[in-house]
Amino acid sequence: MKIWKEWIMPLLVALMISLLMRGFVAEARVIPSGSMIPTLQISDRVIINKVLALTELERGDIVVFWPPDSVNQKYPFIKRIIGLPDDTIYLFGGDVYLNGERQTEVYINEACWGDYGPVVVPDNKFFVLGDNRNDSMDSRSWGFVEQDKLLGKAELIFWPLTRFGRLH
């Protein structure tokens, strides 16, 4: 009985807490591609905040989501929110325009090729782009991300330790 109280029970409680945390609060993800360079590098490890109901998403937030069904992908994507519902977005001359105003984007290395839009973001949807605009499959390819496809908001790089820090 002593082994039950001292080892097995605490291990079971820790396992249950871990599963609940991963399922509903936070989880770690590995960055699989270069679509978010320079902000996120391939193989970076990030913590995803899954408590979106308590969080107001904003332009510039980095989110993890399931891509639309039209995209043959079995893994979630990670991109930056550029447009919220009712925003008008267009890309022209390498720049992003939000509701008619050119955006200054300090998180990209190079301007995107090609023009896009204008589009108006529908209710309960988001327009997302990768920071590596010229090597990213994003809303320009397959449209808007539905709110119910969001898995969470990337909050923190925790590995490698040389890149440890909050995401902006």
N, C-alpha and C. Protein backbone atom coordinates (compact mmCIF):
# COMPACT_ATOMS: atom_id res chain seq x y z
N MET A 1 0.82 -1.19 0.00
CA MET A 1 0.00 0.00 0.00
C MET A 1 0.86 1.26 0.00
N LYS A 2 2.06 1.18 0.62
CA LYS A 2 2.94 2.33 0.69
C LYS A 2 3.40 2.78 -0.70
N ILE A 3 3.71 1.82 -1.57
CA ILE A 3 4.13 2.16 -2.93
C ILE A 3 3.01 2.87 -3.70
N TRP A 4 1.77 2.50 -3.45
CA TRP A 4 0.62 3.15 -4.09
C TRP A 4 0.55 4.63 -3.72
N LYS A 5 0.65 4.92 -2.42
CA LYS A 5 0.54 6.30 -1.94
C LYS A 5 1.76 7.15 -2.30
N GLU A 6 2.93 6.56 -2.31
CA GLU A 6 4.15 7.33 -2.51
C GLU A 6 4.57 7.44 -3.97
N TRP A 7 4.20 6.48 -4.81
CA TRP A 7 4.66 6.49 -6.20
C TRP A 7 3.55 6.46 -7.23
N ILE A 8 2.71 5.49 -7.16
CA ILE A 8 1.72 5.30 -8.22
C ILE A 8 0.68 6.42 -8.24
N MET A 9 0.10 6.76 -7.12
CA MET A 9 -0.92 7.81 -7.06
C MET A 9 -0.36 9.16 -7.52
N PRO A 10 0.80 9.62 -7.02
CA PRO A 10 1.34 10.90 -7.51
C PRO A 10 1.64 10.89 -9.01
N LEU A 11 2.13 9.75 -9.51
CA LEU A 11 2.40 9.66 -10.94
C LEU A 11 1.11 9.74 -11.76
N LEU A 12 0.06 9.08 -11.31
CA LEU A 12 -1.23 9.14 -12.00
C LEU A 12 -1.81 10.56 -11.98
N VAL A 13 -1.71 11.23 -10.84
CA VAL A 13 -2.19 12.61 -10.73
C VAL A 13 -1.39 13.52 -11.68
N ALA A 14 -0.08 13.36 -11.71
CA ALA A 14 0.77 14.16 -12.60
C ALA A 14 0.42 13.91 -14.06
N LEU A 15 0.16 12.66 -14.41
CA LEU A 15 -0.22 12.32 -15.78
C LEU A 15 -1.55 12.97 -16.15
N MET A 16 -2.52 12.91 -15.27
CA MET A 16 -3.84 13.51 -15.52
C MET A 16 -3.71 15.03 -15.69
N ILE A 17 -2.96 15.67 -14.82
CA ILE A 17 -2.76 17.12 -14.92
C ILE A 17 -2.08 17.46 -16.24
N SER A 18 -1.08 16.68 -16.61
CA SER A 18 -0.37 16.91 -17.87
C SER A 18 -1.30 16.78 -19.08
N LEU A 19 -2.12 15.75 -19.09
CA LEU A 19 -3.05 15.55 -20.21
C LEU A 19 -4.08 16.69 -20.28
N LEU A 20 -4.59 17.12 -19.14
CA LEU A 20 -5.54 18.23 -19.12
C LEU A 20 -4.89 19.53 -19.60
N MET A 21 -3.67 19.79 -19.15
CA MET A 21 -2.95 20.99 -19.58
C MET A 21 -2.75 20.98 -21.09
N ARG A 22 -2.27 19.86 -21.62
CA ARG A 22 -2.00 19.79 -23.06
C ARG A 22 -3.29 19.88 -23.87
N GLY A 23 -4.34 19.31 -23.36
CA GLY A 23 -5.59 19.31 -24.10
C GLY A 23 -6.33 20.63 -24.08
N PHE A 24 -6.22 21.39 -22.99
CA PHE A 24 -7.06 22.57 -22.85
C PHE A 24 -6.35 23.88 -22.55
N VAL A 25 -5.10 23.83 -22.11
CA VAL A 25 -4.45 25.07 -21.65
C VAL A 25 -3.26 25.46 -22.53
N ALA A 26 -2.28 24.60 -22.65
CA ALA A 26 -1.07 24.92 -23.41
C ALA A 26 -0.46 23.64 -23.95
N GLU A 27 0.31 23.81 -25.02
CA GLU A 27 1.01 22.66 -25.57
C GLU A 27 2.24 23.14 -26.33
N ALA A 28 3.20 22.27 -26.45
CA ALA A 28 4.42 22.58 -27.20
C ALA A 28 4.25 22.14 -28.65
N ARG A 29 4.83 22.90 -29.56
CA ARG A 29 4.82 22.58 -30.99
C ARG A 29 6.21 22.81 -31.57
N VAL A 30 6.56 22.02 -32.57
CA VAL A 30 7.81 22.17 -33.31
C VAL A 30 7.48 22.86 -34.63
N ILE A 31 8.28 23.83 -35.01
CA ILE A 31 8.07 24.55 -36.28
C ILE A 31 8.63 23.69 -37.41
N PRO A 32 7.76 23.26 -38.36
CA PRO A 32 8.19 22.31 -39.37
C PRO A 32 8.73 22.92 -40.67
N SER A 33 8.48 24.23 -40.88
CA SER A 33 8.86 24.81 -42.18
C SER A 33 9.44 26.21 -41.99
N GLY A 34 9.91 26.77 -43.08
CA GLY A 34 10.50 28.10 -43.05
C GLY A 34 9.52 29.22 -43.36
N SER A 35 8.23 28.96 -43.31
CA SER A 35 7.24 29.98 -43.71
C SER A 35 7.15 31.15 -42.75
N MET A 36 7.69 31.01 -41.54
CA MET A 36 7.64 32.11 -40.56
C MET A 36 9.02 32.71 -40.28
N ILE A 37 10.01 32.38 -41.10
CA ILE A 37 11.33 32.99 -40.97
C ILE A 37 11.18 34.48 -41.27
N PRO A 38 11.77 35.39 -40.53
CA PRO A 38 12.81 35.23 -39.53
C PRO A 38 12.28 35.06 -38.10
N THR A 39 10.98 35.23 -37.88
CA THR A 39 10.43 35.17 -36.53
C THR A 39 10.63 33.79 -35.92
N LEU A 40 10.28 32.76 -36.68
CA LEU A 40 10.43 31.38 -36.22
C LEU A 40 11.30 30.62 -37.21
N GLN A 41 12.26 29.89 -36.68
CA GLN A 41 13.16 29.08 -37.50
C GLN A 41 12.67 27.64 -37.52
N ILE A 42 13.06 26.91 -38.56
CA ILE A 42 12.75 25.49 -38.61
C ILE A 42 13.31 24.81 -37.36
N SER A 43 12.51 23.99 -36.72
CA SER A 43 12.83 23.22 -35.51
C SER A 43 12.76 24.02 -34.22
N ASP A 44 12.40 25.31 -34.27
CA ASP A 44 12.12 26.01 -33.01
C ASP A 44 10.99 25.29 -32.29
N ARG A 45 11.01 25.34 -30.98
CA ARG A 45 9.92 24.80 -30.17
C ARG A 45 9.19 25.97 -29.54
N VAL A 46 7.87 25.98 -29.67
CA VAL A 46 7.07 27.08 -29.13
C VAL A 46 5.98 26.55 -28.22
N ILE A 47 5.54 27.41 -27.29
CA ILE A 47 4.40 27.09 -26.42
C ILE A 47 3.17 27.76 -27.02
N ILE A 48 2.11 26.99 -27.15
CA ILE A 48 0.85 27.46 -27.71
C ILE A 48 -0.15 27.64 -26.58
N ASN A 49 -0.71 28.83 -26.46
CA ASN A 49 -1.78 29.13 -25.51
C ASN A 49 -3.09 28.67 -26.15
N LYS A 50 -3.73 27.67 -25.55
CA LYS A 50 -4.96 27.12 -26.12
C LYS A 50 -6.22 27.73 -25.51
N VAL A 51 -6.07 28.66 -24.58
CA VAL A 51 -7.22 29.26 -23.91
C VAL A 51 -7.66 30.49 -24.71
N LEU A 52 -8.06 30.26 -25.96
CA LEU A 52 -8.44 31.37 -26.84
C LEU A 52 -9.74 32.04 -26.42
N ALA A 53 -10.60 31.31 -25.73
CA ALA A 53 -11.87 31.91 -25.31
C ALA A 53 -11.64 33.07 -24.35
N LEU A 54 -10.51 33.04 -23.63
CA LEU A 54 -10.20 34.10 -22.69
C LEU A 54 -9.28 35.16 -23.29
N THR A 55 -8.86 34.95 -24.53
CA THR A 55 -7.89 35.82 -25.17
C THR A 55 -8.52 36.52 -26.37
N GLU A 56 -8.37 37.81 -26.45
CA GLU A 56 -8.82 38.55 -27.62
C GLU A 56 -7.69 38.53 -28.64
N LEU A 57 -7.93 37.93 -29.80
CA LEU A 57 -6.90 37.88 -30.82
C LEU A 57 -6.77 39.24 -31.49
N GLU A 58 -5.54 39.58 -31.82
CA GLU A 58 -5.24 40.88 -32.42
C GLU A 58 -4.42 40.70 -33.68
N ARG A 59 -4.41 41.73 -34.52
CA ARG A 59 -3.53 41.73 -35.67
C ARG A 59 -2.10 41.59 -35.17
N GLY A 60 -1.33 40.76 -35.82
CA GLY A 60 0.05 40.53 -35.42
C GLY A 60 0.25 39.30 -34.56
N ASP A 61 -0.82 38.76 -33.99
CA ASP A 61 -0.69 37.54 -33.20
C ASP A 61 -0.31 36.38 -34.12
N ILE A 62 0.50 35.47 -33.60
CA ILE A 62 0.88 34.27 -34.34
C ILE A 62 0.01 33.13 -33.83
N VAL A 63 -0.71 32.48 -34.75
CA VAL A 63 -1.67 31.45 -34.36
C VAL A 63 -1.37 30.13 -35.04
N VAL A 64 -1.79 29.06 -34.37
CA VAL A 64 -1.71 27.70 -34.90
C VAL A 64 -3.14 27.28 -35.22
N PHE A 65 -3.33 26.66 -36.39
CA PHE A 65 -4.68 26.33 -36.84
C PHE A 65 -4.64 25.19 -37.84
N TRP A 66 -5.80 24.56 -37.98
CA TRP A 66 -5.96 23.57 -39.05
C TRP A 66 -6.26 24.31 -40.33
N PRO A 67 -5.56 24.00 -41.41
CA PRO A 67 -5.84 24.69 -42.68
C PRO A 67 -7.21 24.29 -43.20
N PRO A 68 -7.74 25.07 -44.12
CA PRO A 68 -9.05 24.73 -44.71
C PRO A 68 -9.02 23.32 -45.31
N ASP A 69 -10.19 22.72 -45.40
CA ASP A 69 -10.30 21.35 -45.92
C ASP A 69 -9.75 21.21 -47.33
N SER A 70 -9.76 22.29 -48.10
CA SER A 70 -9.27 22.24 -49.49
C SER A 70 -7.76 22.02 -49.55
N VAL A 71 -7.06 22.25 -48.44
CA VAL A 71 -5.61 22.05 -48.40
C VAL A 71 -5.36 20.64 -47.89
N ASN A 72 -4.67 19.85 -48.69
CA ASN A 72 -4.39 18.47 -48.32
C ASN A 72 -3.22 18.45 -47.35
N GLN A 73 -3.49 18.70 -46.08
CA GLN A 73 -2.45 18.80 -45.06
C GLN A 73 -2.92 18.11 -43.80
N LYS A 74 -2.09 17.27 -43.23
CA LYS A 74 -2.50 16.58 -42.01
C LYS A 74 -1.89 17.17 -40.74
N TYR A 75 -1.15 18.28 -40.88
CA TYR A 75 -0.56 18.95 -39.72
C TYR A 75 -1.05 20.39 -39.65
N PRO A 76 -1.14 20.95 -38.44
CA PRO A 76 -1.55 22.35 -38.31
C PRO A 76 -0.52 23.30 -38.90
N PHE A 77 -0.99 24.49 -39.28
CA PHE A 77 -0.14 25.56 -39.79
C PHE A 77 0.08 26.57 -38.68
N ILE A 78 1.12 27.38 -38.85
CA ILE A 78 1.37 28.51 -37.94
C ILE A 78 1.65 29.73 -38.80
N LYS A 79 0.87 30.79 -38.57
CA LYS A 79 0.97 32.03 -39.37
C LYS A 79 0.63 33.23 -38.49
N ARG A 80 0.82 34.41 -39.05
CA ARG A 80 0.54 35.66 -38.35
C ARG A 80 -0.80 36.22 -38.81
N ILE A 81 -1.64 36.66 -37.87
CA ILE A 81 -2.91 37.30 -38.22
C ILE A 81 -2.61 38.69 -38.78
N ILE A 82 -3.09 38.93 -39.99
CA ILE A 82 -2.95 40.24 -40.63
C ILE A 82 -4.28 40.97 -40.63
N GLY A 83 -5.36 40.22 -40.86
CA GLY A 83 -6.67 40.85 -40.94
C GLY A 83 -7.70 40.18 -40.03
N LEU A 84 -8.47 41.04 -39.35
CA LEU A 84 -9.58 40.60 -38.49
C LEU A 84 -10.90 40.76 -39.25
N PRO A 85 -12.01 40.22 -38.72
CA PRO A 85 -13.29 40.38 -39.40
C PRO A 85 -13.58 41.85 -39.73
N ASP A 86 -14.09 42.07 -40.94
CA ASP A 86 -14.45 43.38 -41.51
C ASP A 86 -13.26 44.19 -42.01
N ASP A 87 -12.03 43.72 -41.84
CA ASP A 87 -10.88 44.43 -42.39
C ASP A 87 -10.82 44.22 -43.90
N THR A 88 -10.34 45.24 -44.61
CA THR A 88 -10.06 45.12 -46.04
C THR A 88 -8.55 45.03 -46.20
N ILE A 89 -8.11 43.98 -46.88
CA ILE A 89 -6.69 43.68 -47.05
C ILE A 89 -6.36 43.67 -48.53
N TYR A 90 -5.23 44.29 -48.89
CA TYR A 90 -4.66 44.05 -50.20
C TYR A 90 -3.16 44.20 -50.14
N LEU A 91 -2.48 43.51 -51.05
CA LEU A 91 -1.03 43.57 -51.16
C LEU A 91 -0.71 44.21 -52.50
N PHE A 92 0.14 45.21 -52.46
CA PHE A 92 0.48 45.94 -53.68
C PHE A 92 1.91 46.43 -53.59
N GLY A 93 2.69 46.17 -54.62
CA GLY A 93 4.06 46.65 -54.65
C GLY A 93 4.93 46.15 -53.51
N GLY A 94 4.62 44.97 -53.00
CA GLY A 94 5.39 44.38 -51.92
C GLY A 94 4.93 44.78 -50.52
N ASP A 95 3.93 45.65 -50.44
CA ASP A 95 3.44 46.11 -49.14
C ASP A 95 2.04 45.58 -48.85
N VAL A 96 1.73 45.47 -47.55
CA VAL A 96 0.40 45.09 -47.11
C VAL A 96 -0.36 46.36 -46.76
N TYR A 97 -1.60 46.44 -47.24
CA TYR A 97 -2.48 47.56 -46.92
C TYR A 97 -3.66 47.03 -46.12
N LEU A 98 -3.90 47.66 -44.99
CA LEU A 98 -4.98 47.28 -44.10
C LEU A 98 -5.93 48.47 -44.01
N ASN A 99 -7.16 48.24 -44.48
CA ASN A 99 -8.18 49.30 -44.48
C ASN A 99 -7.64 50.58 -45.13
N GLY A 100 -6.89 50.39 -46.23
CA GLY A 100 -6.38 51.51 -47.01
C GLY A 100 -5.06 52.08 -46.54
N GLU A 101 -4.53 51.63 -45.41
CA GLU A 101 -3.28 52.17 -44.87
C GLU A 101 -2.14 51.17 -45.03
N ARG A 102 -1.02 51.66 -45.59
CA ARG A 102 0.17 50.82 -45.73
C ARG A 102 0.69 50.45 -44.36
N GLN A 103 1.03 49.16 -44.19
CA GLN A 103 1.50 48.65 -42.91
C GLN A 103 3.03 48.59 -42.87
N THR A 104 3.59 48.94 -41.74
CA THR A 104 5.02 48.76 -41.51
C THR A 104 5.18 47.44 -40.78
N GLU A 105 5.87 46.51 -41.41
CA GLU A 105 6.02 45.17 -40.85
C GLU A 105 7.49 44.90 -40.55
N VAL A 106 7.87 45.09 -39.31
CA VAL A 106 9.27 44.93 -38.90
C VAL A 106 9.69 43.46 -38.81
N TYR A 107 8.74 42.56 -38.86
CA TYR A 107 9.02 41.13 -38.67
C TYR A 107 9.28 40.39 -39.98
N ILE A 108 9.34 41.05 -41.12
CA ILE A 108 9.65 40.37 -42.38
C ILE A 108 11.03 40.80 -42.87
N ASN A 109 11.68 39.91 -43.64
CA ASN A 109 12.99 40.22 -44.21
C ASN A 109 12.89 40.84 -45.59
N GLU A 110 11.87 40.44 -46.34
CA GLU A 110 11.74 40.98 -47.70
C GLU A 110 10.27 41.13 -48.06
N ALA A 111 10.01 42.09 -48.91
CA ALA A 111 8.65 42.35 -49.35
C ALA A 111 8.15 41.17 -50.20
N CYS A 112 6.86 41.00 -50.23
CA CYS A 112 6.29 39.87 -50.99
C CYS A 112 6.22 40.22 -52.47
N TRP A 113 6.34 39.18 -53.27
CA TRP A 113 6.21 39.33 -54.71
C TRP A 113 4.74 39.29 -55.06
N GLY A 114 4.36 40.03 -56.04
CA GLY A 114 2.99 39.96 -56.55
C GLY A 114 1.99 40.75 -55.73
N ASP A 115 0.89 41.03 -56.38
CA ASP A 115 -0.20 41.78 -55.75
C ASP A 115 -1.34 40.82 -55.43
N TYR A 116 -2.19 41.23 -54.50
CA TYR A 116 -3.30 40.39 -54.08
C TYR A 116 -4.42 41.28 -53.55
N GLY A 117 -5.66 40.86 -53.87
CA GLY A 117 -6.82 41.54 -53.29
C GLY A 117 -7.29 42.72 -54.11
N PRO A 118 -8.15 43.51 -53.54
CA PRO A 118 -8.55 43.55 -52.14
C PRO A 118 -9.59 42.48 -51.78
N VAL A 119 -9.55 42.10 -50.49
CA VAL A 119 -10.54 41.19 -49.93
C VAL A 119 -11.02 41.76 -48.60
N VAL A 120 -12.26 41.45 -48.27
CA VAL A 120 -12.82 41.84 -46.97
C VAL A 120 -12.94 40.57 -46.13
N VAL A 121 -12.41 40.61 -44.93
CA VAL A 121 -12.41 39.44 -44.05
C VAL A 121 -13.81 39.25 -43.49
N PRO A 122 -14.41 38.07 -43.73
CA PRO A 122 -15.76 37.80 -43.22
C PRO A 122 -15.79 37.63 -41.69
N ASP A 123 -16.98 37.65 -41.13
CA ASP A 123 -17.18 37.41 -39.70
C ASP A 123 -16.63 36.04 -39.32
N ASN A 124 -16.05 35.95 -38.12
CA ASN A 124 -15.53 34.70 -37.55
C ASN A 124 -14.41 34.07 -38.38
N LYS A 125 -13.69 34.92 -39.14
CA LYS A 125 -12.57 34.43 -39.94
C LYS A 125 -11.41 35.41 -39.82
N PHE A 126 -10.22 34.93 -40.23
CA PHE A 126 -9.00 35.73 -40.15
C PHE A 126 -8.22 35.59 -41.45
N PHE A 127 -7.49 36.65 -41.80
CA PHE A 127 -6.56 36.62 -42.93
C PHE A 127 -5.17 36.48 -42.35
N VAL A 128 -4.45 35.43 -42.73
CA VAL A 128 -3.14 35.14 -42.16
C VAL A 128 -2.07 35.08 -43.25
N LEU A 129 -0.87 35.49 -42.88
CA LEU A 129 0.28 35.41 -43.79
C LEU A 129 1.47 34.87 -43.01
N GLY A 130 2.36 34.17 -43.71
CA GLY A 130 3.63 33.80 -43.13
C GLY A 130 4.57 34.99 -43.17
N ASP A 131 5.50 35.07 -42.24
CA ASP A 131 6.46 36.18 -42.25
C ASP A 131 7.43 36.06 -43.42
N ASN A 132 7.66 34.86 -43.88
CA ASN A 132 8.50 34.62 -45.05
C ASN A 132 7.58 34.61 -46.27
N ARG A 133 7.11 35.79 -46.63
CA ARG A 133 6.02 35.95 -47.61
C ARG A 133 6.24 35.23 -48.93
N ASN A 134 7.48 35.11 -49.36
CA ASN A 134 7.75 34.51 -50.66
C ASN A 134 7.93 33.00 -50.59
N ASP A 135 7.76 32.44 -49.43
CA ASP A 135 7.84 30.98 -49.25
C ASP A 135 6.83 30.54 -48.20
N SER A 136 5.58 30.97 -48.39
CA SER A 136 4.55 30.65 -47.41
C SER A 136 3.23 30.34 -48.12
N MET A 137 2.63 29.22 -47.72
CA MET A 137 1.28 28.91 -48.18
C MET A 137 0.35 29.47 -47.12
N ASP A 138 -0.45 30.47 -47.48
CA ASP A 138 -1.24 31.18 -46.49
C ASP A 138 -2.56 31.64 -47.09
N SER A 139 -3.19 32.64 -46.51
CA SER A 139 -4.51 33.08 -46.97
C SER A 139 -4.53 33.50 -48.43
N ARG A 140 -3.40 33.89 -48.98
CA ARG A 140 -3.36 34.22 -50.41
C ARG A 140 -3.59 32.99 -51.27
N SER A 141 -3.25 31.81 -50.72
CA SER A 141 -3.40 30.55 -51.46
C SER A 141 -4.76 29.91 -51.29
N TRP A 142 -5.30 29.93 -50.06
CA TRP A 142 -6.51 29.16 -49.79
C TRP A 142 -7.58 29.93 -49.04
N GLY A 143 -7.42 31.22 -48.87
CA GLY A 143 -8.50 32.01 -48.26
C GLY A 143 -8.35 32.21 -46.77
N PHE A 144 -9.46 32.39 -46.12
CA PHE A 144 -9.49 32.79 -44.71
C PHE A 144 -9.44 31.58 -43.77
N VAL A 145 -8.99 31.83 -42.54
CA VAL A 145 -8.98 30.81 -41.50
C VAL A 145 -10.23 31.00 -40.66
N GLU A 146 -10.99 29.95 -40.50
CA GLU A 146 -12.20 30.01 -39.67
C GLU A 146 -11.81 29.98 -38.20
N GLN A 147 -12.51 30.74 -37.41
CA GLN A 147 -12.21 30.84 -35.98
C GLN A 147 -12.24 29.47 -35.30
N ASP A 148 -13.16 28.61 -35.70
CA ASP A 148 -13.24 27.30 -35.04
C ASP A 148 -12.12 26.34 -35.46
N LYS A 149 -11.27 26.74 -36.40
CA LYS A 149 -10.11 25.94 -36.80
C LYS A 149 -8.85 26.32 -36.01
N LEU A 150 -8.95 27.39 -35.21
CA LEU A 150 -7.79 27.83 -34.42
C LEU A 150 -7.52 26.85 -33.28
N LEU A 151 -6.26 26.50 -33.11
CA LEU A 151 -5.84 25.63 -32.01
C LEU A 151 -5.25 26.43 -30.86
N GLY A 152 -4.67 27.57 -31.17
CA GLY A 152 -4.07 28.38 -30.12
C GLY A 152 -3.20 29.48 -30.67
N LYS A 153 -2.67 30.25 -29.75
CA LYS A 153 -1.82 31.39 -30.05
C LYS A 153 -0.40 31.08 -29.59
N ALA A 154 0.57 31.22 -30.49
CA ALA A 154 1.97 30.98 -30.12
C ALA A 154 2.44 32.12 -29.23
N GLU A 155 2.94 31.77 -28.05
CA GLU A 155 3.31 32.78 -27.07
C GLU A 155 4.81 32.88 -26.82
N LEU A 156 5.53 31.75 -26.93
CA LEU A 156 6.88 31.72 -26.42
C LEU A 156 7.73 30.72 -27.19
N ILE A 157 8.95 31.12 -27.55
CA ILE A 157 9.95 30.15 -28.05
C ILE A 157 10.69 29.65 -26.82
N PHE A 158 10.70 28.33 -26.63
CA PHE A 158 11.41 27.78 -25.48
C PHE A 158 12.64 26.96 -25.86
N TRP A 159 12.78 26.65 -27.15
CA TRP A 159 13.96 25.92 -27.61
C TRP A 159 14.26 26.28 -29.04
N PRO A 160 15.49 26.52 -29.38
CA PRO A 160 16.69 26.44 -28.57
C PRO A 160 16.78 27.58 -27.56
N LEU A 161 17.51 27.35 -26.51
CA LEU A 161 17.62 28.34 -25.43
C LEU A 161 18.19 29.67 -25.92
N THR A 162 19.00 29.63 -26.97
CA THR A 162 19.57 30.88 -27.50
C THR A 162 18.50 31.77 -28.12
N ARG A 163 17.32 31.23 -28.40
CA ARG A 163 16.22 32.01 -28.99
C ARG A 163 15.06 32.15 -28.01
N PHE A 164 15.24 31.75 -26.76
CA PHE A 164 14.18 31.80 -25.75
C PHE A 164 13.60 33.21 -25.66
N GLY A 165 12.26 33.28 -25.67
CA GLY A 165 11.62 34.59 -25.48
C GLY A 165 10.18 34.59 -25.98
N ARG A 166 9.47 35.66 -25.59
CA ARG A 166 8.07 35.84 -26.01
C ARG A 166 8.01 36.20 -27.49
N LEU A 167 6.94 35.78 -28.12
CA LEU A 167 6.71 36.12 -29.53
C LEU A 167 5.91 37.41 -29.64
N HIS A 168 6.24 38.18 -30.64
CA HIS A 168 5.54 39.45 -30.88
C HIS A 168 4.99 39.48 -32.29
